[in-house]
Structure formats: C-alpha cells, structure tokens
C-alpha cells in the first residue's frame, strides 16, 4: 500500500461564524471549513454538514483518494454519520449543507435518506443531479421530494474549487 499523500498547502483560511445566528449561512460556512479540511488532505475540496433541530449531527469532507473508495463523497459520509447519530436511516427533518451540487450517487442518497432540505453552494451543470445536469428531485413518481436552496456562498466555495484544480494542474 502506498504511503499517505502529502497535504497540499491551502491558501484559504477556515471561517469561524458566530454561534449566535445558526442560519443557513452559518451551516454552509461549516461545510466550507470541511472543504478546506479536504484540501489539506489533498482531496477534492467538497464539504458537507447535516443539521437537525439546530444541532449538527454530521460533518464530513471528500475522502475518495485517501480511502480508495469511490463512494467516499462528503455527502455519503455525512449521511452515514447522521443515520448513526439518530439511529435511523430516515433523516426526516434534517438539512444537508454541501459546498457543491450533489452528483447522481449523492443526489439519490439524499432522496433515499428522506432529508427535508438540501442547500448547496456551487451548481454543477455536468454532473449535478438536483437541478444542474438533471433533477432527480423532479422525478414524477418519486415518493419523496426535497426542498432545494441553491447558490448560498457560491463565490467562496467556487473560488476554493477553482484554486485547488489550478494548483493540481500546475503540480502535474
């Protein structure tokens, strides 16, 4: 087995939002911080937070490369943590905050987990499946639909992703 990948210097600082106002922006900044943690592990910088009744029940970031697991996306890892936290696969009433629009796998998992809402920062016209490339949430015969909020903190999250990939291209 290969040795761990060296961390990639990240020029972005984590944000420390006020605990006094736990709104969508607060939770998205925490997802942003998870994305920075992913960068520091040389993973694609995508972060996710799951909130239920004002409490954070999951926090994760991409770990595909370090785990060699194609399913180790931030959303999937967070959904697993959240299910364990509430001792139920149904995450009714919970909100997922994620820095980039979920892919087909993650979008399907959010529907299957019965989340109430998904809030994402950066849309993905190529692989996003909650309104970007397609919208799994709009399937007419689905027995569950999500509330979707798009574009919250899009600029800082997009800046983070772009900078990471620019640095990776220079490295190669």
Protein backbone atom coordinates (compact mmCIF):
# COMPACT_ATOMS: atom_id res chain seq x y z
CA UNK A 1 0.00 0.00 0.00
CA UNK A 2 1.21 3.50 -0.83
CA UNK A 3 2.22 5.94 1.88
CA UNK A 4 -0.25 8.72 2.68
CA UNK A 5 -0.35 11.59 0.22
CA UNK A 6 1.31 14.77 1.43
CA UNK A 7 -1.01 17.58 2.37
CA UNK A 8 -1.44 20.29 -0.20
CA UNK A 9 -0.81 23.83 1.07
CA UNK A 10 -4.17 25.58 1.23
CA UNK A 11 -4.17 29.38 0.83
CA UNK A 12 -7.69 29.64 2.25
CA UNK A 13 -8.40 30.10 5.95
CA UNK A 14 -11.22 28.45 7.82
CA UNK A 15 -14.09 30.74 8.76
CA UNK A 16 -15.45 30.97 12.29
CA UNK A 17 -19.08 32.09 12.02
CA UNK A 18 -20.90 33.42 15.06
CA UNK A 19 -22.67 30.73 17.08
CA UNK A 20 -25.37 33.28 17.89
CA UNK A 21 -27.02 33.06 14.48
CA UNK A 22 -27.41 29.44 13.37
CA UNK A 23 -28.94 30.06 9.97
CA UNK A 24 -28.24 28.57 6.53
CA UNK A 25 -25.14 30.72 6.11
CA UNK A 26 -23.73 29.53 9.45
CA UNK A 27 -24.03 25.87 8.46
CA UNK A 28 -22.70 26.49 4.94
CA UNK A 29 -19.57 28.14 6.38
CA UNK A 30 -19.04 24.98 8.42
CA UNK A 31 -19.37 22.93 5.21
CA UNK A 32 -16.82 25.29 3.64
CA UNK A 33 -14.46 24.55 6.54
CA UNK A 34 -14.89 20.84 5.84
CA UNK A 35 -13.95 21.52 2.21
CA UNK A 36 -10.75 23.19 3.41
CA UNK A 37 -10.02 20.09 5.52
CA UNK A 38 -10.42 18.01 2.34
CA UNK A 39 -7.93 20.24 0.51
CA UNK A 40 -5.45 19.85 3.36
CA UNK A 41 -5.65 16.08 2.82
CA UNK A 42 -5.21 16.52 -0.96
CA UNK A 43 -8.82 15.58 -1.60
CA UNK A 44 -11.21 17.47 -3.87
CA UNK A 45 -12.43 20.27 -1.56
CA UNK A 46 -16.07 19.48 -1.01
CA UNK A 47 -17.56 19.59 2.46
CA UNK A 48 -20.91 18.68 3.98
CA UNK A 49 -22.79 19.32 7.21
CA UNK A 50 -26.10 17.82 8.30
CA UNK A 51 -28.25 19.74 10.76
CA UNK A 52 -31.32 18.53 12.61
CA UNK A 53 -33.29 20.66 15.06
CA UNK A 54 -30.46 23.19 15.28
CA UNK A 55 -27.80 20.57 16.07
CA UNK A 56 -25.01 19.37 13.81
CA UNK A 57 -25.39 15.62 13.54
CA UNK A 58 -22.76 15.08 10.83
CA UNK A 59 -19.73 16.77 9.33
CA UNK A 60 -17.64 15.29 6.52
CA UNK A 61 -15.49 16.02 3.50
CA UNK A 62 -14.39 14.07 0.45
CA UNK A 63 -12.12 11.12 1.22
CA UNK A 64 -12.17 9.18 -2.05
CA UNK A 65 -8.44 9.22 -2.68
CA UNK A 66 -7.28 8.58 0.88
CA UNK A 67 -9.70 5.68 1.35
CA UNK A 68 -9.57 4.47 -2.26
CA UNK A 69 -13.35 4.31 -2.06
CA UNK A 70 -15.33 5.75 -4.99
CA UNK A 71 -18.32 6.31 -2.71
CA UNK A 72 -16.43 8.34 -0.08
CA UNK A 73 -18.02 11.62 -1.12
CA UNK A 74 -18.67 14.24 1.57
CA UNK A 75 -22.44 13.77 1.30
CA UNK A 76 -22.36 9.97 1.57
CA UNK A 77 -20.02 10.08 4.57
CA UNK A 78 -22.20 12.72 6.26
CA UNK A 79 -25.39 10.73 5.60
CA UNK A 80 -23.81 7.67 7.23
CA UNK A 81 -22.76 9.70 10.28
CA UNK A 82 -26.20 11.29 10.56
CA UNK A 83 -28.00 7.95 10.35
CA UNK A 84 -25.83 6.62 13.17
CA UNK A 85 -26.40 9.79 15.22
CA UNK A 86 -30.19 9.45 15.10
CA UNK A 87 -30.15 5.63 14.94
CA UNK A 88 -32.34 5.65 11.84
CA UNK A 89 -31.74 5.70 8.09
CA UNK A 90 -34.65 8.10 7.70
CA UNK A 91 -33.30 11.60 8.28
CA UNK A 92 -36.69 13.26 8.30
CA UNK A 93 -36.45 16.95 9.13
CA UNK A 94 -32.69 17.15 8.52
CA UNK A 95 -30.90 19.57 6.19
CA UNK A 96 -27.75 18.81 4.21
CA UNK A 97 -25.42 21.74 3.52
CA UNK A 98 -22.86 20.97 0.83
CA UNK A 99 -20.37 23.15 -1.00
CA UNK A 100 -21.11 21.71 -4.48
CA UNK A 101 -24.26 20.33 -6.06
CA UNK A 102 -24.51 16.59 -5.37
CA UNK A 103 -23.61 14.09 -8.09
CA UNK A 104 -26.01 11.32 -9.22
CA UNK A 105 -24.98 8.98 -6.38
CA UNK A 106 -25.22 11.62 -3.67
CA UNK A 107 -28.44 13.15 -5.02
CA UNK A 108 -30.07 9.73 -4.98
CA UNK A 109 -28.83 9.10 -1.45
CA UNK A 110 -30.33 12.40 -0.21
CA UNK A 111 -33.71 11.34 -1.58
CA UNK A 112 -33.43 7.83 -0.17
CA UNK A 113 -32.49 9.23 3.27
CA UNK A 114 -35.70 11.31 3.28
CA UNK A 115 -33.91 14.57 4.07
CA UNK A 116 -36.11 17.62 4.35
CA UNK A 117 -33.75 20.03 2.57
CA UNK A 118 -30.54 20.27 0.61
CA UNK A 119 -28.67 23.56 0.47
CA UNK A 120 -25.76 23.71 -1.95
CA UNK A 121 -23.33 26.44 -2.96
CA UNK A 122 -21.92 25.69 -6.41
CA UNK A 123 -24.13 24.35 -9.20
CA UNK A 124 -22.71 21.60 -11.41
CA UNK A 125 -24.00 21.62 -14.99
CA UNK A 126 -22.00 18.48 -15.87
CA UNK A 127 -22.78 16.07 -13.00
CA UNK A 128 -25.14 17.82 -10.60
CA UNK A 129 -28.41 16.00 -10.15
CA UNK A 130 -30.50 18.41 -8.12
CA UNK A 131 -31.07 20.88 -10.94
CA UNK A 132 -27.70 21.10 -12.73
CA UNK A 133 -27.34 18.39 -15.38
CA UNK A 134 -30.63 16.75 -14.35
CA UNK A 135 -33.01 16.97 -11.41
CA UNK A 136 -33.67 13.69 -9.62
CA UNK A 137 -35.86 15.63 -7.21
CA UNK A 138 -38.31 16.25 -10.08
CA UNK A 139 -38.94 12.58 -10.86
CA UNK A 140 -42.72 12.45 -11.10
CA UNK A 141 -43.25 9.06 -9.42
CA UNK A 142 -40.80 9.51 -6.55
CA UNK A 143 -42.32 9.03 -3.10
CA UNK A 144 -40.14 11.79 -1.60
CA UNK A 145 -39.13 15.28 -2.66
CA UNK A 146 -36.59 17.65 -1.15
CA UNK A 147 -36.68 21.36 -0.59
CA UNK A 148 -33.68 22.75 -2.50
CA UNK A 149 -31.80 26.01 -1.95
CA UNK A 150 -29.08 26.87 -4.47
CA UNK A 151 -26.18 29.31 -4.59
CA UNK A 152 -25.60 30.06 -0.90
CA UNK A 153 -21.93 31.14 -0.51
CA UNK A 154 -21.37 30.16 -4.14
CA UNK A 155 -18.44 32.54 -4.71
CA UNK A 156 -16.16 31.43 -1.83
CA UNK A 157 -16.93 27.75 -2.49
CA UNK A 158 -16.31 28.14 -6.23
CA UNK A 159 -13.10 30.08 -5.58
CA UNK A 160 -11.89 27.23 -3.37
CA UNK A 161 -12.63 24.57 -6.01
CA UNK A 162 -11.08 26.57 -8.85
CA UNK A 163 -7.91 27.33 -6.90
CA UNK A 164 -7.49 23.67 -5.94
CA UNK A 165 -7.74 22.45 -9.53
CA UNK A 166 -5.46 25.22 -10.82
CA UNK A 167 -2.83 24.17 -8.29
CA UNK A 168 -3.29 20.48 -9.17
CA UNK A 169 -2.80 21.24 -12.89
CA UNK A 170 0.44 23.13 -12.10
CA UNK A 171 1.62 20.18 -9.99
CA UNK A 172 1.09 17.72 -12.87
